[in-house]
Amino acid sequence: MADAKTIAAPHPAHVPPMAKPGYGKRGAPGQPAPRREDFAHLRPREAQIATFIDRLPEGAAMDAKTLAAHLPAYGQAACRTALRHLSEAGHLRRVKERLQSADGTWQWVTRTYFSRAPRGDAWWERVLSGDAPPAPAGRPARSRAYALLATLGRTDPRMTLSDADCAALEPLASEWLERGADEAEVVRALTAGLPPQVHHAAALARRRLTGKLPPHREPAPIRTPLRIAECTVCAAPGRPEALPGGLCRDCRGEPRPPAPAALSPEEVRARAALLRAINREPERNHA
C-alpha cells in the first residue's frame, strides 16, 4: 500500500485555502512530535485524510467540501464519514467559540481542534473547558513563530522554508505576534500576491516581515473564550461529556430515553391534595 503521506499530499496547484479569520483548524495543545506511524491505527482512508489534515497550517479550512476538493480520491460523503471516524478515534473535536475581534465586537466562530495523538473524552473535556493538559515530555517545543514559518509551504509551496531559514526569521515573526497579530494574519502577509516564481523564499519573507510590520496594538484583555462543543456530524451543541467521541446521541445511533407517561386526572388530583396537605402542616405545628 502506498505511503499515506504521499497519497495525502496536495498538488502544488491546489493549495488548501485558509478559512475565514478565526475559523478553521486549531492544533490541540501538547502535540507530540510527528512520526511516520502516527495514524497507523486507522483504516487507510482515515489515515490518509488525517495525514493531510495534520499537515495543514493553523486556520486552514478542513470541512468535508474542502477536503474533497483537494483529495480527488474521496468525495464529500467519504470525507464526512472520515471526519466522524477521526472524531470517534479521539483525533478531533468541533467547537463554537465566542471571541472578541480587533474592533471590540464579539462573534461566534466554528473551529475544529485536531490532535495528532488520539485522545480520550476526559482529555478533550479538559481542553474544551480551558484546562489544557501539560505537554508531554520530550524535545522542547518550537515557538509559535517557528511553527508558523515551518508550515508556510503548506499554504503556498513557493514559500517553503528550510530549518535554517525558519530559525533566522523566527525573531521577526515573533515580533509580529508580540504586536498582536495572529498566525493567519502573518500567513496572509507572507503569501498574498506572490509573483509566479519565487527564487528565494527566505529573502522575500524577510522583506515582508520587515516592511509590513504592524504597529503596536493595545493587548486585549485575557478572557477564557466561551466554548460550546458541537457534534462532529450534525453540529448539534452540547456539553463535552454529553458528546462521547464528539458525537451526539442521535449520531451515535442510541435511542432517546422514553418520555415520562402523562399522569391521569386522578393522579393529578391526588398529588395536588398531597401538596396542599404538606403546605398546611406548618400551620398545624404553630397552632
Protein backbone atom coordinates (compact mmCIF):
# COMPACT_ATOMS: atom_id res chain seq x y z
CA MET A 1 0.00 0.00 0.00
CA ALA A 2 1.30 3.47 -0.87
CA ASP A 3 2.50 5.65 1.97
CA ALA A 4 -0.31 7.77 3.46
CA LYS A 5 1.71 10.95 3.37
CA THR A 6 2.42 10.51 -0.33
CA ILE A 7 -1.23 9.99 -1.16
CA ALA A 8 -2.49 12.78 1.06
CA ALA A 9 -0.09 15.47 -0.10
CA PRO A 10 -1.89 18.18 -2.12
CA HIS A 11 -0.79 19.01 -5.60
CA PRO A 12 1.10 22.36 -5.65
CA ALA A 13 -1.57 23.81 -7.93
CA HIS A 14 -4.22 23.09 -5.31
CA VAL A 15 -3.12 24.95 -2.21
CA PRO A 16 -5.55 24.38 0.71
CA PRO A 17 -7.46 27.61 1.35
CA MET A 18 -7.49 29.36 4.69
CA ALA A 19 -10.81 29.59 6.48
CA LYS A 20 -12.32 32.96 7.40
CA PRO A 21 -10.27 34.73 10.10
CA GLY A 22 -10.91 32.98 13.43
CA TYR A 23 -12.32 29.82 11.86
CA GLY A 24 -10.73 26.59 10.67
CA LYS A 25 -8.18 24.16 12.07
CA ARG A 26 -6.67 24.59 15.51
CA GLY A 27 -3.89 22.35 16.77
CA ALA A 28 -4.71 20.79 20.13
CA PRO A 29 -2.25 21.55 22.95
CA GLY A 30 0.50 19.14 23.89
CA GLN A 31 1.09 17.79 20.39
CA PRO A 32 3.81 15.13 20.21
CA ALA A 33 6.47 15.34 17.51
CA PRO A 34 5.23 13.93 14.18
CA ARG A 35 6.09 10.31 13.42
CA ARG A 36 5.58 8.15 10.35
CA GLU A 37 3.35 5.76 12.32
CA ASP A 38 1.10 8.44 13.86
CA PHE A 39 -2.04 7.21 12.09
CA ALA A 40 -1.15 3.54 11.57
CA HIS A 41 -4.01 2.51 13.88
CA LEU A 42 -6.59 3.98 11.50
CA ARG A 43 -8.12 2.49 8.39
CA PRO A 44 -6.32 3.57 5.17
CA ARG A 45 -8.85 6.24 4.18
CA GLU A 46 -8.92 7.83 7.63
CA ALA A 47 -5.12 7.60 7.88
CA GLN A 48 -4.68 9.42 4.56
CA ILE A 49 -7.13 12.17 5.46
CA ALA A 50 -5.68 12.53 8.95
CA THR A 51 -2.20 12.90 7.47
CA PHE A 52 -3.46 15.59 5.12
CA ILE A 53 -5.20 17.49 7.96
CA ASP A 54 -2.12 17.18 10.18
CA ARG A 55 -0.05 18.96 7.54
CA LEU A 56 -2.49 21.87 7.16
CA PRO A 57 -1.50 25.18 8.78
CA GLU A 58 -3.41 26.77 11.63
CA GLY A 59 -6.65 28.37 10.43
CA ALA A 60 -6.90 26.25 7.28
CA ALA A 61 -10.34 25.15 6.12
CA MET A 62 -10.89 21.45 6.84
CA ASP A 63 -14.58 20.87 6.19
CA ALA A 64 -15.70 17.92 4.07
CA LYS A 65 -16.19 20.05 0.95
CA THR A 66 -12.68 21.50 1.13
CA LEU A 67 -11.10 18.12 1.84
CA ALA A 68 -12.89 16.54 -1.12
CA ALA A 69 -11.68 19.33 -3.40
CA HIS A 70 -8.04 18.59 -2.52
CA LEU A 71 -8.20 14.82 -2.16
CA PRO A 72 -9.61 13.63 -5.51
CA ALA A 73 -9.86 10.01 -4.34
CA TYR A 74 -12.67 10.90 -1.93
CA GLY A 75 -15.98 12.69 -2.32
CA GLN A 76 -17.69 14.86 0.26
CA ALA A 77 -19.67 11.95 1.74
CA ALA A 78 -16.50 9.92 2.23
CA CYS A 79 -14.76 12.90 3.84
CA ARG A 80 -17.70 13.49 6.20
CA THR A 81 -17.59 9.83 7.24
CA ALA A 82 -13.82 10.03 7.74
CA LEU A 83 -14.19 13.11 9.95
CA ARG A 84 -16.74 11.21 12.03
CA HIS A 85 -14.36 8.27 12.46
CA LEU A 86 -11.46 10.59 13.34
CA SER A 87 -13.66 12.17 15.99
CA GLU A 88 -14.62 8.78 17.41
CA ALA A 89 -10.93 7.79 17.42
CA GLY A 90 -10.09 10.86 19.51
CA HIS A 91 -8.25 12.94 16.91
CA LEU A 92 -10.60 15.91 16.63
CA ARG A 93 -13.41 17.86 18.23
CA ARG A 94 -15.59 20.60 16.80
CA VAL A 95 -16.50 23.66 18.90
CA LYS A 96 -18.04 27.11 18.68
CA GLU A 97 -16.08 29.86 20.43
CA ARG A 98 -17.15 33.39 21.26
CA LEU A 99 -14.20 35.65 20.54
CA GLN A 100 -13.58 39.39 20.56
CA SER A 101 -12.34 40.85 17.29
CA ALA A 102 -9.81 43.65 16.90
CA ASP A 103 -12.58 46.30 16.76
CA GLY A 104 -14.00 45.14 20.10
CA THR A 105 -17.06 43.35 18.73
CA TRP A 106 -17.89 39.76 19.66
CA GLN A 107 -18.56 36.96 17.23
CA TRP A 108 -19.09 33.22 17.27
CA VAL A 109 -16.61 31.21 15.21
CA THR A 110 -16.51 27.49 14.44
CA ARG A 111 -13.22 25.71 14.96
CA THR A 112 -12.06 22.13 14.66
CA TYR A 113 -9.37 21.13 17.13
CA PHE A 114 -7.08 18.41 15.77
CA SER A 115 -4.75 16.20 17.79
CA ARG A 116 -2.01 14.17 16.17
CA ALA A 117 -2.25 11.71 19.06
CA PRO A 118 -5.62 10.05 19.78
CA ARG A 119 -7.13 11.44 22.99
CA GLY A 120 -9.89 10.20 25.27
CA ASP A 121 -13.10 12.01 26.14
CA ALA A 122 -11.78 13.13 29.55
CA TRP A 123 -8.74 14.75 27.90
CA TRP A 124 -10.91 16.61 25.42
CA GLU A 125 -13.24 17.79 28.21
CA ARG A 126 -10.25 19.39 29.95
CA VAL A 127 -9.08 21.08 26.75
CA LEU A 128 -12.50 22.45 25.81
CA SER A 129 -13.04 23.75 29.34
CA GLY A 130 -9.80 25.75 29.10
CA ASP A 131 -7.76 23.46 31.36
CA ALA A 132 -5.07 22.47 28.88
CA PRO A 133 -3.10 19.36 29.86
CA PRO A 134 0.68 19.77 30.07
CA ALA A 135 2.75 18.97 27.02
CA PRO A 136 4.33 15.52 27.04
CA ALA A 137 7.98 15.20 27.97
CA GLY A 138 10.37 15.19 25.02
CA ARG A 139 12.28 17.62 22.91
CA PRO A 140 11.49 21.29 23.60
CA ALA A 141 8.55 22.63 21.64
CA ARG A 142 9.30 25.21 18.98
CA SER A 143 7.93 28.72 19.35
CA ARG A 144 4.67 29.83 17.70
CA ALA A 145 6.73 31.89 15.27
CA TYR A 146 8.97 28.99 14.22
CA ALA A 147 5.99 26.63 13.85
CA LEU A 148 4.21 29.21 11.67
CA LEU A 149 7.23 29.61 9.39
CA ALA A 150 7.85 25.87 9.22
CA THR A 151 4.34 25.24 7.86
CA LEU A 152 4.27 28.20 5.48
CA GLY A 153 4.99 25.97 2.48
CA ARG A 154 1.75 24.08 3.11
CA THR A 155 -0.19 27.26 2.41
CA ASP A 156 1.88 28.05 -0.70
CA PRO A 157 4.72 25.74 -1.82
CA ARG A 158 6.57 28.75 -3.26
CA MET A 159 7.24 29.91 0.30
CA THR A 160 8.72 26.66 1.62
CA LEU A 161 11.48 27.47 4.13
CA SER A 162 14.34 25.37 5.48
CA ASP A 163 15.10 24.79 9.14
CA ALA A 164 17.88 27.37 8.97
CA ASP A 165 15.54 29.87 7.28
CA CYS A 166 12.90 29.40 10.00
CA ALA A 167 15.45 29.85 12.78
CA ALA A 168 16.82 33.03 11.16
CA LEU A 169 13.36 34.54 10.58
CA GLU A 170 11.92 33.43 13.92
CA PRO A 171 12.69 36.74 15.75
CA LEU A 172 10.96 38.78 13.02
CA ALA A 173 7.84 36.60 13.06
CA SER A 174 7.85 36.68 16.88
CA GLU A 175 7.74 40.47 16.75
CA TRP A 176 4.53 40.31 14.70
CA LEU A 177 2.91 38.01 17.25
CA GLU A 178 4.07 40.18 20.15
CA ARG A 179 2.41 43.17 18.48
CA GLY A 180 -0.97 41.42 18.43
CA ALA A 181 -1.02 39.75 15.01
CA ASP A 182 -2.35 36.21 14.87
CA GLU A 183 -0.95 33.34 12.82
CA ALA A 184 -3.45 33.77 9.98
CA GLU A 185 -2.52 37.46 9.62
CA VAL A 186 1.19 36.62 9.34
CA VAL A 187 0.48 33.86 6.81
CA ARG A 188 -1.56 36.27 4.65
CA ALA A 189 1.22 38.86 4.77
CA LEU A 190 3.76 36.30 3.57
CA THR A 191 1.70 34.54 0.88
CA ALA A 192 -0.66 37.14 -0.63
CA GLY A 193 0.17 38.50 -4.07
CA LEU A 194 3.23 36.34 -4.72
CA PRO A 195 4.96 36.52 -8.12
CA PRO A 196 4.60 33.47 -10.38
CA GLN A 197 8.07 32.27 -9.34
CA VAL A 198 9.78 32.86 -6.02
CA HIS A 199 13.53 32.35 -6.33
CA HIS A 200 14.46 32.99 -2.70
CA ALA A 201 11.59 32.42 -0.28
CA ALA A 202 13.60 33.38 2.81
CA ALA A 203 14.69 36.73 1.36
CA LEU A 204 11.12 37.56 0.31
CA ALA A 205 9.81 36.57 3.74
CA ARG A 206 12.40 38.79 5.43
CA ARG A 207 11.43 41.78 3.27
CA ARG A 208 7.73 41.33 4.00
CA LEU A 209 8.17 40.69 7.73
CA THR A 210 10.26 43.86 7.96
CA GLY A 211 8.39 46.13 5.58
CA LYS A 212 4.84 45.20 6.63
CA LEU A 213 5.48 45.05 10.38
CA PRO A 214 2.21 46.21 12.03
CA PRO A 215 2.10 48.90 14.72
CA HIS A 216 1.96 48.03 18.41
CA ARG A 217 -1.58 47.24 19.47
CA GLU A 218 -3.11 47.52 22.90
CA PRO A 219 -3.22 43.98 24.28
CA ALA A 220 -6.72 42.65 24.51
CA PRO A 221 -7.86 41.64 27.99
CA ILE A 222 -7.23 37.97 28.60
CA ARG A 223 -10.51 36.12 28.85
CA THR A 224 -11.21 32.45 28.73
CA PRO A 225 -13.19 32.04 25.49
CA LEU A 226 -16.73 30.78 25.82
CA ARG A 227 -16.76 27.40 24.12
CA ILE A 228 -19.68 25.20 23.16
CA ALA A 229 -18.86 21.72 21.91
CA GLU A 230 -20.63 20.57 18.76
CA CYS A 231 -21.36 17.17 17.28
CA THR A 232 -18.80 16.46 14.57
CA VAL A 233 -21.51 15.12 12.24
CA CYS A 234 -24.58 17.35 12.69
CA ALA A 235 -23.18 20.32 14.68
CA ALA A 236 -25.74 19.87 17.47
CA PRO A 237 -24.45 21.78 20.54
CA GLY A 238 -23.85 20.09 23.86
CA ARG A 239 -21.55 19.80 26.84
CA PRO A 240 -18.38 17.76 26.09
CA GLU A 241 -19.44 14.99 28.45
CA ALA A 242 -22.70 14.66 26.51
CA LEU A 243 -20.81 14.11 23.24
CA PRO A 244 -18.64 11.00 23.73
CA GLY A 245 -16.46 10.52 20.71
CA GLY A 246 -17.53 14.00 19.64
CA LEU A 247 -20.95 12.71 18.58
CA CYS A 248 -24.46 13.44 19.86
CA ARG A 249 -26.88 10.69 20.89
CA ASP A 250 -28.68 10.65 17.54
CA CYS A 251 -25.45 10.42 15.50
CA ARG A 252 -24.21 7.63 17.77
CA GLY A 253 -27.40 5.77 16.92
CA GLU A 254 -28.56 5.49 20.52
CA PRO A 255 -32.29 5.57 21.31
CA ARG A 256 -33.61 8.52 23.24
CA PRO A 257 -34.91 7.78 26.74
CA PRO A 258 -38.70 7.24 26.77
CA ALA A 259 -40.74 10.29 27.64
CA PRO A 260 -42.43 10.07 31.05
CA ALA A 261 -46.00 8.88 30.82
CA ALA A 262 -48.65 11.55 31.32
CA LEU A 263 -50.48 11.46 34.67
CA SER A 264 -54.12 10.52 34.72
CA PRO A 265 -56.62 13.11 36.07
CA GLU A 266 -56.98 11.04 39.24
CA GLU A 267 -53.19 11.06 39.81
CA VAL A 268 -53.05 14.81 39.24
CA ARG A 269 -55.80 15.39 41.85
CA ALA A 270 -54.10 13.04 44.31
CA ARG A 271 -50.75 14.84 44.01
CA ALA A 272 -52.41 18.22 44.36
CA ALA A 273 -54.14 17.06 47.55
CA LEU A 274 -50.83 15.80 48.93
CA LEU A 275 -49.13 19.14 48.24
CA ARG A 276 -51.97 21.02 49.95
CA ALA A 277 -51.65 18.78 52.96
CA ILE A 278 -47.90 19.34 53.13
CA ASN A 279 -48.36 23.11 52.90
CA ARG A 280 -50.91 23.05 55.76
CA GLU A 281 -48.60 21.09 58.04
CA PRO A 282 -46.60 24.15 59.28
CA GLU A 283 -49.90 25.88 60.22
CA ARG A 284 -50.83 22.92 62.45
CA ASN A 285 -47.43 22.95 64.11
CA HIS A 286 -47.85 26.63 65.08
CA ALA A 287 -51.43 26.24 66.29
